[in-house]
Amino acid sequence: AALRRSGFRVAGYIAGGDGLDFRADLATLNLSDVP
């Protein structure tokens, strides 16, 4: 939402075109205990 409000374009080539992607294969996300 913040990027959209700042005028940035949501990617249409990935993540179904809605700008949100959910992945289970990234250590940067998987090993985090904080949001």
Full PDB file with SEQRES, HELIX, SHEET, SSBOND, CRYST1, ORIGX, SCALE, CONECT and MASTER records, all heavy atoms in Angstrom:
SEQRES   1 A   35  ALA ALA LEU ARG ARG SER GLY PHE ARG VAL ALA GLY TYR          
SEQRES   2 A   35  ILE ALA GLY GLY ASP GLY LEU ASP PHE ARG ALA ASP LEU          
SEQRES   3 A   35  ALA THR LEU ASN LEU SER ASP VAL PRO                          
HELIX    1 AA1 ALA A    2  ARG A    5  1                                   4    
HELIX    2 AA2 ALA A   15  GLY A   17  5                                   3    
HELIX    3 AA3 ALA A   27  ASN A   30  1                                   4    
CRYST1    1.000    1.000    1.000  90.00  90.00  90.00 P 1           1          
ORIGX1      1.000000  0.000000  0.000000        0.00000                         
ORIGX2      0.000000  1.000000  0.000000        0.00000                         
ORIGX3      0.000000  0.000000  1.000000        0.00000                         
SCALE1      1.000000  0.000000  0.000000        0.00000                         
SCALE2      0.000000  1.000000  0.000000        0.00000                         
SCALE3      0.000000  0.000000  1.000000        0.00000                         
ATOM      1  N   ALA A   1       0.823  -1.208   0.000  1.00  0.00           N  
ATOM      2  CA  ALA A   1       0.000   0.000   0.000  1.00  0.00           C  
ATOM      3  C   ALA A   1       0.856   1.256   0.000  1.00  0.00           C  
ATOM      4  O   ALA A   1       0.558   2.223  -0.715  1.00  0.00           O  
ATOM      5  CB  ALA A   1      -0.931  -0.015   1.219  1.00  0.00           C  
ATOM      6  N   ALA A   2       1.926   1.265   0.797  1.00  0.00           N  
ATOM      7  CA  ALA A   2       2.781   2.451   0.870  1.00  0.00           C  
ATOM      8  C   ALA A   2       3.487   2.699  -0.458  1.00  0.00           C  
ATOM      9  O   ALA A   2       3.614   3.852  -0.904  1.00  0.00           O  
ATOM     10  CB  ALA A   2       3.798   2.277   1.989  1.00  0.00           C  
ATOM     11  N   LEU A   3       3.958   1.647  -1.116  1.00  0.00           N  
ATOM     12  CA  LEU A   3       4.608   1.812  -2.411  1.00  0.00           C  
ATOM     13  C   LEU A   3       3.620   2.286  -3.471  1.00  0.00           C  
ATOM     14  O   LEU A   3       3.946   3.131  -4.309  1.00  0.00           O  
ATOM     15  CB  LEU A   3       5.266   0.498  -2.827  1.00  0.00           C  
ATOM     16  CG  LEU A   3       6.546   0.131  -2.053  1.00  0.00           C  
ATOM     17  CD1 LEU A   3       6.897  -1.334  -2.251  1.00  0.00           C  
ATOM     18  CD2 LEU A   3       7.713   1.025  -2.483  1.00  0.00           C  
ATOM     19  N   ARG A   4       2.420   1.763  -3.427  1.00  0.00           N  
ATOM     20  CA  ARG A   4       1.394   2.217  -4.371  1.00  0.00           C  
ATOM     21  C   ARG A   4       1.077   3.694  -4.169  1.00  0.00           C  
ATOM     22  O   ARG A   4       0.977   4.457  -5.131  1.00  0.00           O  
ATOM     23  CB  ARG A   4       0.116   1.394  -4.182  1.00  0.00           C  
ATOM     24  CG  ARG A   4       0.076   0.072  -4.929  1.00  0.00           C  
ATOM     25  CD  ARG A   4      -1.201  -0.673  -4.603  1.00  0.00           C  
ATOM     26  NE  ARG A   4      -1.486  -1.745  -5.523  1.00  0.00           N  
ATOM     27  CZ  ARG A   4      -2.430  -2.649  -5.335  1.00  0.00           C  
ATOM     28  NH1 ARG A   4      -3.185  -2.603  -4.233  1.00  0.00           N  
ATOM     29  NH2 ARG A   4      -2.639  -3.605  -6.219  1.00  0.00           N  
ATOM     30  N   ARG A   5       0.906   4.090  -2.909  1.00  0.00           N  
ATOM     31  CA  ARG A   5       0.595   5.490  -2.622  1.00  0.00           C  
ATOM     32  C   ARG A   5       1.708   6.415  -3.075  1.00  0.00           C  
ATOM     33  O   ARG A   5       1.462   7.594  -3.382  1.00  0.00           O  
ATOM     34  CB  ARG A   5       0.320   5.680  -1.125  1.00  0.00           C  
ATOM     35  CG  ARG A   5      -1.038   5.190  -0.668  1.00  0.00           C  
ATOM     36  CD  ARG A   5      -1.379   5.720   0.714  1.00  0.00           C  
ATOM     37  NE  ARG A   5      -0.409   5.266   1.714  1.00  0.00           N  
ATOM     38  CZ  ARG A   5      -0.549   4.159   2.427  1.00  0.00           C  
ATOM     39  NH1 ARG A   5      -1.596   3.378   2.243  1.00  0.00           N  
ATOM     40  NH2 ARG A   5       0.361   3.831   3.314  1.00  0.00           N  
ATOM     41  N   SER A   6       2.922   5.895  -3.103  1.00  0.00           N  
ATOM     42  CA  SER A   6       4.065   6.704  -3.535  1.00  0.00           C  
ATOM     43  C   SER A   6       4.220   6.720  -5.047  1.00  0.00           C  
ATOM     44  O   SER A   6       5.171   7.312  -5.572  1.00  0.00           O  
ATOM     45  CB  SER A   6       5.349   6.170  -2.887  1.00  0.00           C  
ATOM     46  OG  SER A   6       5.291   6.335  -1.480  1.00  0.00           O  
ATOM     47  N   GLY A   7       3.295   6.079  -5.752  1.00  0.00           N  
ATOM     48  CA  GLY A   7       3.292   6.132  -7.202  1.00  0.00           C  
ATOM     49  C   GLY A   7       4.049   5.030  -7.899  1.00  0.00           C  
ATOM     50  O   GLY A   7       4.239   5.087  -9.121  1.00  0.00           O  
ATOM     51  N   PHE A   8       4.468   3.992  -7.158  1.00  0.00           N  
ATOM     52  CA  PHE A   8       5.201   2.901  -7.784  1.00  0.00           C  
ATOM     53  C   PHE A   8       4.245   1.875  -8.384  1.00  0.00           C  
ATOM     54  O   PHE A   8       3.187   1.596  -7.818  1.00  0.00           O  
ATOM     55  CB  PHE A   8       6.134   2.231  -6.771  1.00  0.00           C  
ATOM     56  CG  PHE A   8       7.245   3.126  -6.302  1.00  0.00           C  
ATOM     57  CD1 PHE A   8       7.234   3.670  -5.021  1.00  0.00           C  
ATOM     58  CD2 PHE A   8       8.294   3.451  -7.147  1.00  0.00           C  
ATOM     59  CE1 PHE A   8       8.239   4.499  -4.588  1.00  0.00           C  
ATOM     60  CE2 PHE A   8       9.315   4.286  -6.727  1.00  0.00           C  
ATOM     61  CZ  PHE A   8       9.286   4.817  -5.445  1.00  0.00           C  
ATOM     62  N   ARG A   9       4.658   1.317  -9.489  1.00  0.00           N  
ATOM     63  CA  ARG A   9       3.847   0.379 -10.240  1.00  0.00           C  
ATOM     64  C   ARG A   9       3.992  -1.041  -9.676  1.00  0.00           C  
ATOM     65  O   ARG A   9       5.090  -1.515  -9.420  1.00  0.00           O  
ATOM     66  CB  ARG A   9       4.299   0.404 -11.707  1.00  0.00           C  
ATOM     67  CG  ARG A   9       3.590  -0.549 -12.636  1.00  0.00           C  
ATOM     68  CD  ARG A   9       4.325  -0.563 -13.972  1.00  0.00           C  
ATOM     69  NE  ARG A   9       3.680  -1.418 -14.948  1.00  0.00           N  
ATOM     70  CZ  ARG A   9       3.147  -0.988 -16.086  1.00  0.00           C  
ATOM     71  NH1 ARG A   9       3.190   0.297 -16.382  1.00  0.00           N  
ATOM     72  NH2 ARG A   9       2.588  -1.823 -16.925  1.00  0.00           N  
ATOM     73  N   VAL A  10       2.854  -1.729  -9.494  1.00  0.00           N  
ATOM     74  CA  VAL A  10       2.864  -3.126  -9.062  1.00  0.00           C  
ATOM     75  C   VAL A  10       3.293  -4.009 -10.236  1.00  0.00           C  
ATOM     76  O   VAL A  10       2.846  -3.819 -11.367  1.00  0.00           O  
ATOM     77  CB  VAL A  10       1.479  -3.554  -8.559  1.00  0.00           C  
ATOM     78  CG1 VAL A  10       1.442  -5.045  -8.273  1.00  0.00           C  
ATOM     79  CG2 VAL A  10       1.088  -2.769  -7.313  1.00  0.00           C  
ATOM     80  N   ALA A  11       4.165  -4.965  -9.972  1.00  0.00           N  
ATOM     81  CA  ALA A  11       4.643  -5.861 -11.020  1.00  0.00           C  
ATOM     82  C   ALA A  11       3.501  -6.703 -11.572  1.00  0.00           C  
ATOM     83  O   ALA A  11       2.714  -7.270 -10.812  1.00  0.00           O  
ATOM     84  CB  ALA A  11       5.737  -6.769 -10.466  1.00  0.00           C  
ATOM     85  N   GLY A  12       3.451  -6.781 -12.886  1.00  0.00           N  
ATOM     86  CA  GLY A  12       2.417  -7.592 -13.520  1.00  0.00           C  
ATOM     87  C   GLY A  12       2.935  -8.910 -14.042  1.00  0.00           C  
ATOM     88  O   GLY A  12       2.171  -9.727 -14.568  1.00  0.00           O  
ATOM     89  N   TYR A  13       4.217  -9.174 -13.888  1.00  0.00           N  
ATOM     90  CA  TYR A  13       4.838 -10.359 -14.477  1.00  0.00           C  
ATOM     91  C   TYR A  13       5.066 -11.481 -13.468  1.00  0.00           C  
ATOM     92  O   TYR A  13       5.583 -12.547 -13.827  1.00  0.00           O  
ATOM     93  CB  TYR A  13       6.183  -9.983 -15.116  1.00  0.00           C  
ATOM     94  CG  TYR A  13       7.242  -9.525 -14.146  1.00  0.00           C  
ATOM     95  CD1 TYR A  13       8.217 -10.394 -13.662  1.00  0.00           C  
ATOM     96  CD2 TYR A  13       7.273  -8.199 -13.703  1.00  0.00           C  
ATOM     97  CE1 TYR A  13       9.182  -9.969 -12.765  1.00  0.00           C  
ATOM     98  CE2 TYR A  13       8.237  -7.768 -12.808  1.00  0.00           C  
ATOM     99  CZ  TYR A  13       9.191  -8.647 -12.345  1.00  0.00           C  
ATOM    100  OH  TYR A  13      10.140  -8.216 -11.456  1.00  0.00           O  
ATOM    101  N   ILE A  14       4.691 -11.264 -12.215  1.00  0.00           N  
ATOM    102  CA  ILE A  14       4.976 -12.234 -11.157  1.00  0.00           C  
ATOM    103  C   ILE A  14       3.946 -12.076 -10.050  1.00  0.00           C  
ATOM    104  O   ILE A  14       3.271 -11.038  -9.964  1.00  0.00           O  
ATOM    105  CB  ILE A  14       6.412 -12.027 -10.601  1.00  0.00           C  
ATOM    106  CG1 ILE A  14       6.888 -13.238  -9.813  1.00  0.00           C  
ATOM    107  CG2 ILE A  14       6.504 -10.748  -9.788  1.00  0.00           C  
ATOM    108  CD1 ILE A  14       8.370 -13.187  -9.467  1.00  0.00           C  
ATOM    109  N   ALA A  15       3.803 -13.127  -9.254  1.00  0.00           N  
ATOM    110  CA  ALA A  15       2.927 -13.073  -8.069  1.00  0.00           C  
ATOM    111  C   ALA A  15       1.476 -12.803  -8.410  1.00  0.00           C  
ATOM    112  O   ALA A  15       0.755 -12.191  -7.628  1.00  0.00           O  
ATOM    113  CB  ALA A  15       3.441 -12.024  -7.073  1.00  0.00           C  
ATOM    114  N   GLY A  16       1.042 -13.245  -9.577  1.00  0.00           N  
ATOM    115  CA  GLY A  16      -0.357 -13.090  -9.945  1.00  0.00           C  
ATOM    116  C   GLY A  16      -0.769 -11.673 -10.267  1.00  0.00           C  
ATOM    117  O   GLY A  16      -1.956 -11.392 -10.439  1.00  0.00           O  
ATOM    118  N   GLY A  17       0.192 -10.756 -10.319  1.00  0.00           N  
ATOM    119  CA  GLY A  17      -0.102  -9.387 -10.695  1.00  0.00           C  
ATOM    120  C   GLY A  17      -0.658  -8.517  -9.593  1.00  0.00           C  
ATOM    121  O   GLY A  17      -1.003  -7.357  -9.844  1.00  0.00           O  
ATOM    122  N   ASP A  18      -0.735  -9.037  -8.349  1.00  0.00           N  
ATOM    123  CA  ASP A  18      -1.276  -8.215  -7.262  1.00  0.00           C  
ATOM    124  C   ASP A  18      -0.193  -7.655  -6.348  1.00  0.00           C  
ATOM    125  O   ASP A  18      -0.491  -6.990  -5.362  1.00  0.00           O  
ATOM    126  CB  ASP A  18      -2.304  -8.999  -6.443  1.00  0.00           C  
ATOM    127  CG  ASP A  18      -1.692 -10.141  -5.630  1.00  0.00           C  
ATOM    128  OD1 ASP A  18      -0.480 -10.419  -5.802  1.00  0.00           O  
ATOM    129  OD2 ASP A  18      -2.425 -10.757  -4.826  1.00  0.00           O  
ATOM    130  N   GLY A  19       1.065  -7.935  -6.662  1.00  0.00           N  
ATOM    131  CA  GLY A  19       2.156  -7.373  -5.890  1.00  0.00           C  
ATOM    132  C   GLY A  19       2.527  -8.130  -4.639  1.00  0.00           C  
ATOM    133  O   GLY A  19       3.469  -7.743  -3.949  1.00  0.00           O  
ATOM    134  N   LEU A  20       1.828  -9.220  -4.330  1.00  0.00           N  
ATOM    135  CA  LEU A  20       2.124 -10.014  -3.144  1.00  0.00           C  
ATOM    136  C   LEU A  20       2.517 -11.427  -3.554  1.00  0.00           C  
ATOM    137  O   LEU A  20       1.799 -12.082  -4.319  1.00  0.00           O  
ATOM    138  CB  LEU A  20       0.918 -10.085  -2.203  1.00  0.00           C  
ATOM    139  CG  LEU A  20       0.455  -8.779  -1.561  1.00  0.00           C  
ATOM    140  CD1 LEU A  20      -0.747  -9.039  -0.658  1.00  0.00           C  
ATOM    141  CD2 LEU A  20       1.582  -8.117  -0.776  1.00  0.00           C  
ATOM    142  N   ASP A  21       3.640 -11.888  -3.024  1.00  0.00           N  
ATOM    143  CA  ASP A  21       4.128 -13.231  -3.325  1.00  0.00           C  
ATOM    144  C   ASP A  21       4.429 -13.929  -2.003  1.00  0.00           C  
ATOM    145  O   ASP A  21       4.987 -13.312  -1.092  1.00  0.00           O  
ATOM    146  CB  ASP A  21       5.400 -13.142  -4.177  1.00  0.00           C  
ATOM    147  CG  ASP A  21       5.772 -14.461  -4.822  1.00  0.00           C  
ATOM    148  OD1 ASP A  21       4.931 -15.386  -4.802  1.00  0.00           O  
ATOM    149  OD2 ASP A  21       6.887 -14.566  -5.355  1.00  0.00           O  
ATOM    150  N   PHE A  22       4.063 -15.201  -1.897  1.00  0.00           N  
ATOM    151  CA  PHE A  22       4.290 -15.959  -0.667  1.00  0.00           C  
ATOM    152  C   PHE A  22       5.174 -17.154  -1.001  1.00  0.00           C  
ATOM    153  O   PHE A  22       4.828 -17.972  -1.846  1.00  0.00           O  
ATOM    154  CB  PHE A  22       2.967 -16.395  -0.052  1.00  0.00           C  
ATOM    155  CG  PHE A  22       2.133 -15.235   0.400  1.00  0.00           C  
ATOM    156  CD1 PHE A  22       1.221 -14.646  -0.467  1.00  0.00           C  
ATOM    157  CD2 PHE A  22       2.287 -14.693   1.667  1.00  0.00           C  
ATOM    158  CE1 PHE A  22       0.473 -13.550  -0.078  1.00  0.00           C  
ATOM    159  CE2 PHE A  22       1.538 -13.597   2.067  1.00  0.00           C  
ATOM    160  CZ  PHE A  22       0.632 -13.021   1.199  1.00  0.00           C  
ATOM    161  N   ARG A  23       6.327 -17.213  -0.317  1.00  0.00           N  
ATOM    162  CA  ARG A  23       7.322 -18.229  -0.636  1.00  0.00           C  
ATOM    163  C   ARG A  23       7.804 -18.951   0.615  1.00  0.00           C  
ATOM    164  O   ARG A  23       7.906 -18.355   1.688  1.00  0.00           O  
ATOM    165  CB  ARG A  23       8.505 -17.598  -1.370  1.00  0.00           C  
ATOM    166  CG  ARG A  23       8.139 -17.095  -2.755  1.00  0.00           C  
ATOM    167  CD  ARG A  23       9.304 -16.427  -3.458  1.00  0.00           C  
ATOM    168  NE  ARG A  23      10.467 -17.308  -3.588  1.00  0.00           N  
ATOM    169  CZ  ARG A  23      11.560 -16.967  -4.280  1.00  0.00           C  
ATOM    170  NH1 ARG A  23      11.624 -15.774  -4.884  1.00  0.00           N  
ATOM    171  NH2 ARG A  23      12.575 -17.801  -4.356  1.00  0.00           N  
ATOM    172  N   ALA A  24       8.110 -20.238   0.425  1.00  0.00           N  
ATOM    173  CA  ALA A  24       8.555 -21.076   1.537  1.00  0.00           C  
ATOM    174  C   ALA A  24      10.020 -21.457   1.419  1.00  0.00           C  
ATOM    175  O   ALA A  24      10.520 -22.239   2.225  1.00  0.00           O  
ATOM    176  CB  ALA A  24       7.704 -22.345   1.599  1.00  0.00           C  
ATOM    177  N   ASP A  25      10.728 -20.899   0.433  1.00  0.00           N  
ATOM    178  CA  ASP A  25      12.084 -21.356   0.127  1.00  0.00           C  
ATOM    179  C   ASP A  25      13.172 -20.345   0.454  1.00  0.00           C  
ATOM    180  O   ASP A  25      14.328 -20.535   0.066  1.00  0.00           O  
ATOM    181  CB  ASP A  25      12.180 -21.710  -1.357  1.00  0.00           C  
ATOM    182  CG  ASP A  25      11.933 -20.510  -2.266  1.00  0.00           C  
ATOM    183  OD1 ASP A  25      11.056 -19.687  -1.929  1.00  0.00           O  
ATOM    184  OD2 ASP A  25      12.605 -20.394  -3.302  1.00  0.00           O  
ATOM    185  N   LEU A  26      12.859 -19.281   1.155  1.00  0.00           N  
ATOM    186  CA  LEU A  26      13.833 -18.220   1.399  1.00  0.00           C  
ATOM    187  C   LEU A  26      14.262 -18.203   2.866  1.00  0.00           C  
ATOM    188  O   LEU A  26      13.453 -17.982   3.765  1.00  0.00           O  
ATOM    189  CB  LEU A  26      13.245 -16.860   1.018  1.00  0.00           C  
ATOM    190  CG  LEU A  26      12.855 -16.709  -0.456  1.00  0.00           C  
ATOM    191  CD1 LEU A  26      12.158 -15.370  -0.681  1.00  0.00           C  
ATOM    192  CD2 LEU A  26      14.083 -16.823  -1.354  1.00  0.00           C  
ATOM    193  N   ALA A  27      15.556 -18.418   3.097  1.00  0.00           N  
ATOM    194  CA  ALA A  27      16.070 -18.441   4.465  1.00  0.00           C  
ATOM    195  C   ALA A  27      15.855 -17.118   5.177  1.00  0.00           C  
ATOM    196  O   ALA A  27      15.611 -17.082   6.393  1.00  0.00           O  
ATOM    197  CB  ALA A  27      17.562 -18.785   4.452  1.00  0.00           C  
ATOM    198  N   THR A  28      15.942 -16.027   4.439  1.00  0.00           N  
ATOM    199  CA  THR A  28      15.751 -14.704   5.035  1.00  0.00           C  
ATOM    200  C   THR A  28      14.387 -14.593   5.697  1.00  0.00           C  
ATOM    201  O   THR A  28      14.223 -13.887   6.698  1.00  0.00           O  
ATOM    202  CB  THR A  28      15.912 -13.614   3.959  1.00  0.00           C  
ATOM    203  OG1 THR A  28      17.206 -13.737   3.369  1.00  0.00           O  
ATOM    204  CG2 THR A  28      15.768 -12.223   4.549  1.00  0.00           C  
ATOM    205  N   LEU A  29      13.410 -15.295   5.158  1.00  0.00           N  
ATOM    206  CA  LEU A  29      12.067 -15.301   5.736  1.00  0.00           C  
ATOM    207  C   LEU A  29      11.885 -16.468   6.702  1.00  0.00           C  
ATOM    208  O   LEU A  29      11.359 -16.307   7.802  1.00  0.00           O  
ATOM    209  CB  LEU A  29      11.016 -15.379   4.628  1.00  0.00           C  
ATOM    210  CG  LEU A  29      11.076 -14.309   3.534  1.00  0.00           C  
ATOM    211  CD1 LEU A  29       9.939 -14.514   2.538  1.00  0.00           C  
ATOM    212  CD2 LEU A  29      11.025 -12.905   4.115  1.00  0.00           C  
ATOM    213  N   ASN A  30      12.312 -17.658   6.289  1.00  0.00           N  
ATOM    214  CA  ASN A  30      12.054 -18.870   7.075  1.00  0.00           C  
ATOM    215  C   ASN A  30      12.668 -18.847   8.464  1.00  0.00           C  
ATOM    216  O   ASN A  30      12.106 -19.411   9.412  1.00  0.00           O  
ATOM    217  CB  ASN A  30      12.585 -20.097   6.329  1.00  0.00           C  
ATOM    218  CG  ASN A  30      11.764 -20.459   5.116  1.00  0.00           C  
ATOM    219  OD1 ASN A  30      10.628 -20.025   4.973  1.00  0.00           O  
ATOM    220  ND2 ASN A  30      12.340 -21.260   4.237  1.00  0.00           N  
ATOM    221  N   LEU A  31      13.835 -18.240   8.616  1.00  0.00           N  
ATOM    222  CA  LEU A  31      14.559 -18.294   9.883  1.00  0.00           C  
ATOM    223  C   LEU A  31      14.253 -17.114  10.796  1.00  0.00           C  
ATOM    224  O   LEU A  31      14.820 -16.992  11.873  1.00  0.00           O  
ATOM    225  CB  LEU A  31      16.065 -18.369   9.624  1.00  0.00           C  
ATOM    226  CG  LEU A  31      16.519 -19.611   8.850  1.00  0.00           C  
ATOM    227  CD1 LEU A  31      18.024 -19.576   8.609  1.00  0.00           C  
ATOM    228  CD2 LEU A  31      16.121 -20.890   9.571  1.00  0.00           C  
ATOM    229  N   SER A  32      13.341 -16.270  10.383  1.00  0.00           N  
ATOM    230  CA  SER A  32      12.988 -15.111  11.189  1.00  0.00           C  
ATOM    231  C   SER A  32      11.933 -15.460  12.230  1.00  0.00           C  
ATOM    232  O   SER A  32      10.972 -16.178  11.938  1.00  0.00           O  
ATOM    233  CB  SER A  32      12.462 -13.982  10.289  1.00  0.00           C  
ATOM    234  OG  SER A  32      12.129 -12.848  11.065  1.00  0.00           O  
ATOM    235  N   ASP A  33      12.118 -14.943  13.425  1.00  0.00           N  
ATOM    236  CA  ASP A  33      11.112 -15.060  14.480  1.00  0.00           C  
ATOM    237  C   ASP A  33      10.367 -13.753  14.690  1.00  0.00           C  
ATOM    238  O   ASP A  33       9.606 -13.626  15.654  1.00  0.00           O  
ATOM    239  CB  ASP A  33      11.780 -15.477  15.797  1.00  0.00           C  
ATOM    240  CG  ASP A  33      12.344 -16.885  15.739  1.00  0.00           C  
ATOM    241  OD1 ASP A  33      11.821 -17.715  14.964  1.00  0.00           O  
ATOM    242  OD2 ASP A  33      13.318 -17.162  16.471  1.00  0.00           O  
ATOM    243  N   VAL A  34      10.609 -12.788  13.808  1.00  0.00           N  
ATOM    244  CA  VAL A  34       9.914 -11.507  13.875  1.00  0.00           C  
ATOM    245  C   VAL A  34       9.239 -11.268  12.524  1.00  0.00           C  
ATOM    246  O   VAL A  34       9.665 -11.828  11.509  1.00  0.00           O  
ATOM    247  CB  VAL A  34      10.879 -10.349  14.216  1.00  0.00           C  
ATOM    248  CG1 VAL A  34      11.605 -10.648  15.525  1.00  0.00           C  
ATOM    249  CG2 VAL A  34      11.875 -10.108  13.101  1.00  0.00           C  
ATOM    250  N   PRO A  35       8.174 -10.474  12.483  1.00  0.00           N  
ATOM    251  CA  PRO A  35       7.499 -10.217  11.208  1.00  0.00           C  
ATOM    252  C   PRO A  35       8.483  -9.708  10.168  1.00  0.00           C  
ATOM    253  O   PRO A  35       9.303  -8.824  10.440  1.00  0.00           O  
ATOM    254  CB  PRO A  35       6.466  -9.145  11.572  1.00  0.00           C  
ATOM    255  CG  PRO A  35       6.194  -9.377  13.026  1.00  0.00           C  
ATOM    256  CD  PRO A  35       7.509  -9.803  13.610  1.00  0.00           C  
TER     257      PRO A  35                                                      
MASTER        0    0    0    3    0    0    0    6  256    1    0    3          
END                                                                             
